[in-house]
């Protein structure tokens, strides 16, 4: 098992994940209007409340390139 810093991963991947989250919400609820930055901020808060900073994941989920 490996440990990943989920909080930092979500922060670092914001530029990639925010547009994907926006498209997913728009696909699920086409008529909704929202601020995608606020949505992502609330998503980060929810993740931080639900998960520990360091989460255990199977080794197969992690590839170290050192």
PDB file of N, CA and C in Angstrom:
ATOM      1  N   UNK A   1       0.841  -1.187   0.000  1.00  0.00           N
ATOM      2  CA  UNK A   1       0.000   0.000   0.000  1.00  0.00           C
ATOM      3  C   UNK A   1       0.881   1.244   0.000  1.00  0.00           C
ATOM      4  N   UNK A   2       0.397   2.259  -0.657  1.00  0.00           N
ATOM      5  CA  UNK A   2       1.082   3.548  -0.706  1.00  0.00           C
ATOM      6  C   UNK A   2       0.170   4.591  -0.066  1.00  0.00           C
ATOM      7  N   UNK A   3       0.749   5.727   0.247  1.00  0.00           N
ATOM      8  CA  UNK A   3      -0.051   6.830   0.773  1.00  0.00           C
ATOM      9  C   UNK A   3       0.079   8.003  -0.198  1.00  0.00           C
ATOM     10  N   UNK A   4      -1.032   8.676  -0.442  1.00  0.00           N
ATOM     11  CA  UNK A   4      -1.032   9.860  -1.297  1.00  0.00           C
ATOM     12  C   UNK A   4      -1.622  11.022  -0.516  1.00  0.00           C
ATOM     13  N   UNK A   5      -1.109  12.211  -0.781  1.00  0.00           N
ATOM     14  CA  UNK A   5      -1.632  13.419  -0.158  1.00  0.00           C
ATOM     15  C   UNK A   5      -2.781  13.907  -1.040  1.00  0.00           C
ATOM     16  N   UNK A   6      -3.985  13.473  -0.686  1.00  0.00           N
ATOM     17  CA  UNK A   6      -5.159  13.765  -1.499  1.00  0.00           C
ATOM     18  C   UNK A   6      -5.437  15.261  -1.591  1.00  0.00           C
ATOM     19  N   UNK A   7      -5.257  15.972  -0.495  1.00  0.00           N
ATOM     20  CA  UNK A   7      -5.492  17.418  -0.477  1.00  0.00           C
ATOM     21  C   UNK A   7      -4.599  18.121  -1.493  1.00  0.00           C
ATOM     22  N   UNK A   8      -3.330  17.796  -1.473  1.00  0.00           N
ATOM     23  CA  UNK A   8      -2.391  18.441  -2.388  1.00  0.00           C
ATOM     24  C   UNK A   8      -2.650  18.033  -3.834  1.00  0.00           C
ATOM     25  N   UNK A   9      -3.012  16.771  -4.039  1.00  0.00           N
ATOM     26  CA  UNK A   9      -3.299  16.330  -5.407  1.00  0.00           C
ATOM     27  C   UNK A   9      -4.455  17.117  -6.005  1.00  0.00           C
ATOM     28  N   UNK A  10      -5.508  17.308  -5.226  1.00  0.00           N
ATOM     29  CA  UNK A  10      -6.674  18.042  -5.730  1.00  0.00           C
ATOM     30  C   UNK A  10      -6.321  19.496  -5.993  1.00  0.00           C
ATOM     31  N   UNK A  11      -5.487  20.086  -5.149  1.00  0.00           N
ATOM     32  CA  UNK A  11      -5.058  21.467  -5.370  1.00  0.00           C
ATOM     33  C   UNK A  11      -4.200  21.573  -6.624  1.00  0.00           C
ATOM     34  N   UNK A  12      -3.264  20.659  -6.795  1.00  0.00           N
ATOM     35  CA  UNK A  12      -2.367  20.701  -7.956  1.00  0.00           C
ATOM     36  C   UNK A  12      -3.087  20.427  -9.273  1.00  0.00           C
ATOM     37  N   UNK A  13      -4.149  19.636  -9.231  1.00  0.00           N
ATOM     38  CA  UNK A  13      -4.859  19.260 -10.454  1.00  0.00           C
ATOM     39  C   UNK A  13      -6.057  20.154 -10.752  1.00  0.00           C
ATOM     40  N   UNK A  14      -6.173  21.263 -10.048  1.00  0.00           N
ATOM     41  CA  UNK A  14      -7.349  22.122 -10.228  1.00  0.00           C
ATOM     42  C   UNK A  14      -7.544  22.546 -11.683  1.00  0.00           C
ATOM     43  N   UNK A  15      -6.499  22.964 -12.348  1.00  0.00           N
ATOM     44  CA  UNK A  15      -6.650  23.441 -13.734  1.00  0.00           C
ATOM     45  C   UNK A  15      -7.154  22.348 -14.669  1.00  0.00           C
ATOM     46  N   UNK A  16      -6.826  21.094 -14.361  1.00  0.00           N
ATOM     47  CA  UNK A  16      -7.288  19.985 -15.187  1.00  0.00           C
ATOM     48  C   UNK A  16      -8.664  19.484 -14.757  1.00  0.00           C
ATOM     49  N   UNK A  17      -8.914  19.451 -13.450  1.00  0.00           N
ATOM     50  CA  UNK A  17     -10.157  18.880 -12.939  1.00  0.00           C
ATOM     51  C   UNK A  17     -11.349  19.833 -12.967  1.00  0.00           C
ATOM     52  N   UNK A  18     -11.103  21.122 -12.779  1.00  0.00           N
ATOM     53  CA  UNK A  18     -12.221  22.081 -12.707  1.00  0.00           C
ATOM     54  C   UNK A  18     -13.075  22.058 -13.979  1.00  0.00           C
ATOM     55  N   UNK A  19     -12.484  22.101 -15.186  1.00  0.00           N
ATOM     56  CA  UNK A  19     -13.323  22.053 -16.384  1.00  0.00           C
ATOM     57  C   UNK A  19     -14.080  20.729 -16.533  1.00  0.00           C
ATOM     58  N   UNK A  20     -13.474  19.638 -16.084  1.00  0.00           N
ATOM     59  CA  UNK A  20     -14.133  18.332 -16.165  1.00  0.00           C
ATOM     60  C   UNK A  20     -15.332  18.287 -15.220  1.00  0.00           C
ATOM     61  N   UNK A  21     -15.148  18.791 -14.009  1.00  0.00           N
ATOM     62  CA  UNK A  21     -16.248  18.850 -13.045  1.00  0.00           C
ATOM     63  C   UNK A  21     -17.380  19.735 -13.579  1.00  0.00           C
ATOM     64  N   UNK A  22     -17.014  20.854 -14.162  1.00  0.00           N
ATOM     65  CA  UNK A  22     -18.016  21.770 -14.737  1.00  0.00           C
ATOM     66  C   UNK A  22     -18.840  21.067 -15.823  1.00  0.00           C
ATOM     67  N   UNK A  23     -18.168  20.362 -16.729  1.00  0.00           N
ATOM     68  CA  UNK A  23     -18.876  19.663 -17.809  1.00  0.00           C
ATOM     69  C   UNK A  23     -19.770  18.553 -17.264  1.00  0.00           C
ATOM     70  N   UNK A  24     -19.304  17.871 -16.230  1.00  0.00           N
ATOM     71  CA  UNK A  24     -20.100  16.795 -15.639  1.00  0.00           C
ATOM     72  C   UNK A  24     -21.379  17.348 -15.019  1.00  0.00           C
ATOM     73  N   UNK A  25     -21.274  18.461 -14.307  1.00  0.00           N
ATOM     74  CA  UNK A  25     -22.466  19.069 -13.698  1.00  0.00           C
ATOM     75  C   UNK A  25     -23.405  19.564 -14.794  1.00  0.00           C
ATOM     76  N   UNK A  26     -22.867  20.193 -15.812  1.00  0.00           N
ATOM     77  CA  UNK A  26     -23.708  20.695 -16.912  1.00  0.00           C
ATOM     78  C   UNK A  26     -24.404  19.549 -17.642  1.00  0.00           C
ATOM     79  N   UNK A  27     -23.734  18.415 -17.768  1.00  0.00           N
ATOM     80  CA  UNK A  27     -24.357  17.258 -18.429  1.00  0.00           C
ATOM     81  C   UNK A  27     -25.465  16.671 -17.564  1.00  0.00           C
ATOM     82  N   UNK A  28     -25.251  16.641 -16.257  1.00  0.00           N
ATOM     83  CA  UNK A  28     -26.237  16.063 -15.349  1.00  0.00           C
ATOM     84  C   UNK A  28     -27.415  16.995 -15.112  1.00  0.00           C
ATOM     85  N   UNK A  29     -27.135  18.304 -15.062  1.00  0.00           N
ATOM     86  CA  UNK A  29     -28.175  19.303 -14.786  1.00  0.00           C
ATOM     87  C   UNK A  29     -28.001  20.455 -15.782  1.00  0.00           C
ATOM     88  N   UNK A  30     -28.462  20.274 -17.019  1.00  0.00           N
ATOM     89  CA  UNK A  30     -28.204  21.252 -18.080  1.00  0.00           C
ATOM     90  C   UNK A  30     -28.705  22.668 -17.788  1.00  0.00           C
ATOM     91  N   UNK A  31     -29.784  22.808 -17.039  1.00  0.00           N
ATOM     92  CA  UNK A  31     -30.371  24.127 -16.816  1.00  0.00           C
ATOM     93  C   UNK A  31     -29.715  24.907 -15.688  1.00  0.00           C
ATOM     94  N   UNK A  32     -28.780  24.313 -14.971  1.00  0.00           N
ATOM     95  CA  UNK A  32     -28.191  24.969 -13.806  1.00  0.00           C
ATOM     96  C   UNK A  32     -27.117  25.983 -14.228  1.00  0.00           C
ATOM     97  N   UNK A  33     -27.076  27.092 -13.492  1.00  0.00           N
ATOM     98  CA  UNK A  33     -26.029  28.091 -13.685  1.00  0.00           C
ATOM     99  C   UNK A  33     -25.208  28.132 -12.403  1.00  0.00           C
ATOM    100  N   UNK A  34     -23.872  28.158 -12.527  1.00  0.00           N
ATOM    101  CA  UNK A  34     -23.009  28.147 -11.353  1.00  0.00           C
ATOM    102  C   UNK A  34     -21.645  28.714 -11.710  1.00  0.00           C
ATOM    103  N   UNK A  35     -20.935  29.091 -10.700  1.00  0.00           N
ATOM    104  CA  UNK A  35     -19.559  29.570 -10.835  1.00  0.00           C
ATOM    105  C   UNK A  35     -18.649  28.354 -10.663  1.00  0.00           C
ATOM    106  N   UNK A  36     -17.937  27.975 -11.716  1.00  0.00           N
ATOM    107  CA  UNK A  36     -17.125  26.763 -11.650  1.00  0.00           C
ATOM    108  C   UNK A  36     -15.989  26.870 -10.628  1.00  0.00           C
ATOM    109  N   UNK A  37     -15.492  28.066 -10.374  1.00  0.00           N
ATOM    110  CA  UNK A  37     -14.450  28.226  -9.358  1.00  0.00           C
ATOM    111  C   UNK A  37     -15.021  27.982  -7.964  1.00  0.00           C
ATOM    112  N   UNK A  38     -16.228  28.488  -7.712  1.00  0.00           N
ATOM    113  CA  UNK A  38     -16.866  28.268  -6.422  1.00  0.00           C
ATOM    114  C   UNK A  38     -17.207  26.783  -6.255  1.00  0.00           C
ATOM    115  N   UNK A  39     -17.692  26.151  -7.317  1.00  0.00           N
ATOM    116  CA  UNK A  39     -18.002  24.726  -7.278  1.00  0.00           C
ATOM    117  C   UNK A  39     -16.756  23.926  -6.908  1.00  0.00           C
ATOM    118  N   UNK A  40     -15.623  24.226  -7.531  1.00  0.00           N
ATOM    119  CA  UNK A  40     -14.395  23.491  -7.245  1.00  0.00           C
ATOM    120  C   UNK A  40     -13.921  23.750  -5.823  1.00  0.00           C
ATOM    121  N   UNK A  41     -14.064  24.975  -5.355  1.00  0.00           N
ATOM    122  CA  UNK A  41     -13.679  25.320  -3.980  1.00  0.00           C
ATOM    123  C   UNK A  41     -14.516  24.507  -2.985  1.00  0.00           C
ATOM    124  N   UNK A  42     -15.818  24.401  -3.230  1.00  0.00           N
ATOM    125  CA  UNK A  42     -16.696  23.622  -2.360  1.00  0.00           C
ATOM    126  C   UNK A  42     -16.390  22.130  -2.462  1.00  0.00           C
ATOM    127  N   UNK A  43     -16.022  21.678  -3.655  1.00  0.00           N
ATOM    128  CA  UNK A  43     -15.609  20.288  -3.847  1.00  0.00           C
ATOM    129  C   UNK A  43     -14.378  19.985  -3.000  1.00  0.00           C
ATOM    130  N   UNK A  44     -13.387  20.875  -3.035  1.00  0.00           N
ATOM    131  CA  UNK A  44     -12.171  20.691  -2.226  1.00  0.00           C
ATOM    132  C   UNK A  44     -12.514  20.639  -0.742  1.00  0.00           C
ATOM    133  N   UNK A  45     -13.390  21.529  -0.300  1.00  0.00           N
ATOM    134  CA  UNK A  45     -13.798  21.533   1.116  1.00  0.00           C
ATOM    135  C   UNK A  45     -14.462  20.212   1.492  1.00  0.00           C
ATOM    136  N   UNK A  46     -15.338  19.712   0.637  1.00  0.00           N
ATOM    137  CA  UNK A  46     -16.035  18.461   0.912  1.00  0.00           C
ATOM    138  C   UNK A  46     -15.061  17.288   0.982  1.00  0.00           C
ATOM    139  N   UNK A  47     -14.101  17.264   0.083  1.00  0.00           N
ATOM    140  CA  UNK A  47     -13.081  16.208   0.104  1.00  0.00           C
ATOM    141  C   UNK A  47     -12.275  16.294   1.391  1.00  0.00           C
ATOM    142  N   UNK A  48     -11.893  17.510   1.780  1.00  0.00           N
ATOM    143  CA  UNK A  48     -11.108  17.683   3.004  1.00  0.00           C
ATOM    144  C   UNK A  48     -11.872  17.244   4.252  1.00  0.00           C
ATOM    145  N   UNK A  49     -13.190  17.434   4.251  1.00  0.00           N
ATOM    146  CA  UNK A  49     -13.998  16.998   5.396  1.00  0.00           C
ATOM    147  C   UNK A  49     -14.148  15.480   5.418  1.00  0.00           C
ATOM    148  N   UNK A  50     -14.233  14.873   4.269  1.00  0.00           N
ATOM    149  CA  UNK A  50     -14.535  13.433   4.167  1.00  0.00           C
ATOM    150  C   UNK A  50     -13.302  12.547   4.287  1.00  0.00           C
ATOM    151  N   UNK A  51     -12.181  12.997   3.756  1.00  0.00           N
ATOM    152  CA  UNK A  51     -10.980  12.166   3.701  1.00  0.00           C
ATOM    153  C   UNK A  51      -9.873  12.741   4.557  1.00  0.00           C
ATOM    154  N   UNK A  52      -8.948  11.880   4.921  1.00  0.00           N
ATOM    155  CA  UNK A  52      -7.748  12.327   5.612  1.00  0.00           C
ATOM    156  C   UNK A  52      -6.813  12.947   4.585  1.00  0.00           C
ATOM    157  N   UNK A  53      -5.887  13.791   5.057  1.00  0.00           N
ATOM    158  CA  UNK A  53      -4.921  14.392   4.130  1.00  0.00           C
ATOM    159  C   UNK A  53      -4.163  13.301   3.394  1.00  0.00           C
ATOM    160  N   UNK A  54      -3.671  12.325   4.137  1.00  0.00           N
ATOM    161  CA  UNK A  54      -2.944  11.193   3.549  1.00  0.00           C
ATOM    162  C   UNK A  54      -3.868   9.987   3.507  1.00  0.00           C
ATOM    163  N   UNK A  55      -4.143   9.485   2.312  1.00  0.00           N
ATOM    164  CA  UNK A  55      -5.005   8.324   2.133  1.00  0.00           C
ATOM    165  C   UNK A  55      -4.189   7.155   1.599  1.00  0.00           C
ATOM    166  N   UNK A  56      -4.507   5.976   2.076  1.00  0.00           N
ATOM    167  CA  UNK A  56      -3.843   4.761   1.594  1.00  0.00           C
ATOM    168  C   UNK A  56      -4.514   4.305   0.298  1.00  0.00           C
ATOM    169  N   UNK A  57      -3.671   3.953  -0.675  1.00  0.00           N
ATOM    170  CA  UNK A  57      -4.157   3.445  -1.951  1.00  0.00           C
ATOM    171  C   UNK A  57      -3.291   2.248  -2.326  1.00  0.00           C
ATOM    172  N   UNK A  58      -3.808   1.341  -3.161  1.00  0.00           N
ATOM    173  CA  UNK A  58      -2.994   0.213  -3.597  1.00  0.00           C
ATOM    174  C   UNK A  58      -1.769   0.698  -4.371  1.00  0.00           C
ATOM    175  N   UNK A  59      -0.691  -0.041  -4.279  1.00  0.00           N
ATOM    176  CA  UNK A  59       0.535   0.316  -4.988  1.00  0.00           C
ATOM    177  C   UNK A  59       0.296   0.467  -6.486  1.00  0.00           C
ATOM    178  N   UNK A  60      -0.658  -0.279  -7.017  1.00  0.00           N
ATOM    179  CA  UNK A  60      -0.941  -0.215  -8.453  1.00  0.00           C
ATOM    180  C   UNK A  60      -1.483   1.147  -8.885  1.00  0.00           C
ATOM    181  N   UNK A  61      -1.903   1.976  -7.927  1.00  0.00           N
ATOM    182  CA  UNK A  61      -2.437   3.312  -8.222  1.00  0.00           C
ATOM    183  C   UNK A  61      -1.354   4.373  -8.259  1.00  0.00           C
ATOM    184  N   UNK A  62      -0.132   3.997  -7.929  1.00  0.00           N
ATOM    185  CA  UNK A  62       0.947   4.974  -7.806  1.00  0.00           C
ATOM    186  C   UNK A  62       2.136   4.515  -8.625  1.00  0.00           C
ATOM    187  N   UNK A  63       2.719   5.461  -9.365  1.00  0.00           N
ATOM    188  CA  UNK A  63       3.939   5.176 -10.119  1.00  0.00           C
ATOM    189  C   UNK A  63       4.931   6.276  -9.788  1.00  0.00           C
ATOM    190  N   UNK A  64       5.998   5.916  -9.151  1.00  0.00           N
ATOM    191  CA  UNK A  64       7.016   6.890  -8.790  1.00  0.00           C
ATOM    192  C   UNK A  64       8.041   6.978  -9.912  1.00  0.00           C
ATOM    193  N   UNK A  65       8.393   8.191 -10.293  1.00  0.00           N
ATOM    194  CA  UNK A  65       9.342   8.373 -11.397  1.00  0.00           C
ATOM    195  C   UNK A  65      10.634   8.999 -10.916  1.00  0.00           C
ATOM    196  N   UNK A  66      11.101   8.576  -9.762  1.00  0.00           N
ATOM    197  CA  UNK A  66      12.361   9.095  -9.228  1.00  0.00           C
ATOM    198  C   UNK A  66      13.518   8.354  -9.812  1.00  0.00           C
TER     199      UNK A  66
END
